[in-house]
Amino acid sequence: MQQTQSATPPTLAIGLVALALVFLVLAVLYAFGVIGFFASQPGAAHHYKHAAVLAVLAVGSLIAANFARPKTA
């Protein structure tokens, strides 16, 4: 009888979801103008381009987490 592999812990997937949450929080803060570091015009009210890039990174992290999660047989 063949022994099946034990399920790998979803550590990477959980880390990628946490990273996506960080990206989403930063995107919201950039969109509302709460933070402005790494911006070319720090005094500007809103940084929508930065918010869009961070939102794309969040979606990418969630897609990567989907591929990294352990699969059930």
Protein backbone atom coordinates (compact mmCIF):
# COMPACT_ATOMS: atom_id res chain seq x y z
CA MET A 1 0.00 0.00 0.00
CA GLN A 2 1.34 3.41 -0.96
CA GLN A 3 1.63 6.05 1.65
CA THR A 4 0.22 9.44 0.66
CA GLN A 5 2.17 12.61 1.21
CA SER A 6 1.24 14.59 4.25
CA ALA A 7 -0.45 17.88 3.56
CA THR A 8 2.02 20.72 3.32
CA PRO A 9 1.35 23.61 5.65
CA PRO A 10 -0.20 26.61 3.88
CA THR A 11 2.45 28.99 5.22
CA LEU A 12 3.28 30.56 1.85
CA ALA A 13 -0.37 30.97 0.93
CA ILE A 14 -1.15 32.63 4.27
CA GLY A 15 1.84 34.94 3.85
CA LEU A 16 0.69 35.96 0.37
CA VAL A 17 -2.83 36.70 1.63
CA ALA A 18 -1.35 38.82 4.43
CA LEU A 19 0.77 40.66 1.85
CA ALA A 20 -2.36 41.28 -0.24
CA LEU A 21 -4.09 42.79 2.79
CA VAL A 22 -1.12 45.11 3.38
CA PHE A 23 -1.23 46.17 -0.29
CA LEU A 24 -4.98 46.85 -0.05
CA VAL A 25 -4.61 48.96 3.09
CA LEU A 26 -1.82 50.98 1.47
CA ALA A 27 -3.91 51.41 -1.69
CA VAL A 28 -6.81 52.84 0.30
CA LEU A 29 -4.50 55.16 2.24
CA TYR A 30 -2.91 56.42 -0.99
CA ALA A 31 -6.32 56.90 -2.62
CA PHE A 32 -7.63 59.00 0.26
CA GLY A 33 -4.39 60.99 0.48
CA VAL A 34 -3.55 59.90 4.01
CA ILE A 35 -0.02 58.89 3.04
CA GLY A 36 2.15 60.31 0.30
CA PHE A 37 5.65 58.93 0.62
CA PHE A 38 7.21 57.51 -2.57
CA ALA A 39 5.12 60.06 -4.49
CA SER A 40 6.57 62.66 -6.82
CA GLN A 41 4.29 65.34 -5.34
CA PRO A 42 4.08 64.64 -1.60
CA GLY A 43 1.71 67.57 -1.02
CA ALA A 44 -0.90 66.33 -3.50
CA ALA A 45 -4.24 65.28 -2.06
CA HIS A 46 -4.62 61.91 -3.81
CA HIS A 47 -2.28 59.46 -5.50
CA TYR A 48 -4.57 57.33 -7.63
CA LYS A 49 -1.79 55.82 -9.73
CA HIS A 50 -0.07 54.51 -6.62
CA ALA A 51 -3.38 53.17 -5.34
CA ALA A 52 -4.02 51.39 -8.64
CA VAL A 53 -0.57 49.80 -8.67
CA LEU A 54 -1.00 48.60 -5.09
CA ALA A 55 -4.44 47.18 -5.92
CA VAL A 56 -2.94 45.26 -8.85
CA LEU A 57 -0.20 43.94 -6.57
CA ALA A 58 -2.86 42.82 -4.07
CA VAL A 59 -4.75 40.92 -6.77
CA GLY A 60 -1.48 39.37 -7.96
CA SER A 61 -0.69 38.27 -4.41
CA LEU A 62 -4.10 36.65 -4.08
CA ILE A 63 -3.65 34.81 -7.38
CA ALA A 64 -0.22 33.59 -6.23
CA ALA A 65 -1.75 32.48 -2.91
CA ASN A 66 -4.30 30.44 -4.81
CA PHE A 67 -1.50 28.60 -6.62
CA ALA A 68 0.54 28.21 -3.42
CA ARG A 69 -2.21 26.71 -1.27
CA PRO A 70 -2.17 22.98 -0.64
CA LYS A 71 -4.40 21.04 -2.98
CA THR A 72 -6.71 18.29 -1.81
CA ALA A 73 -6.79 15.05 -3.74
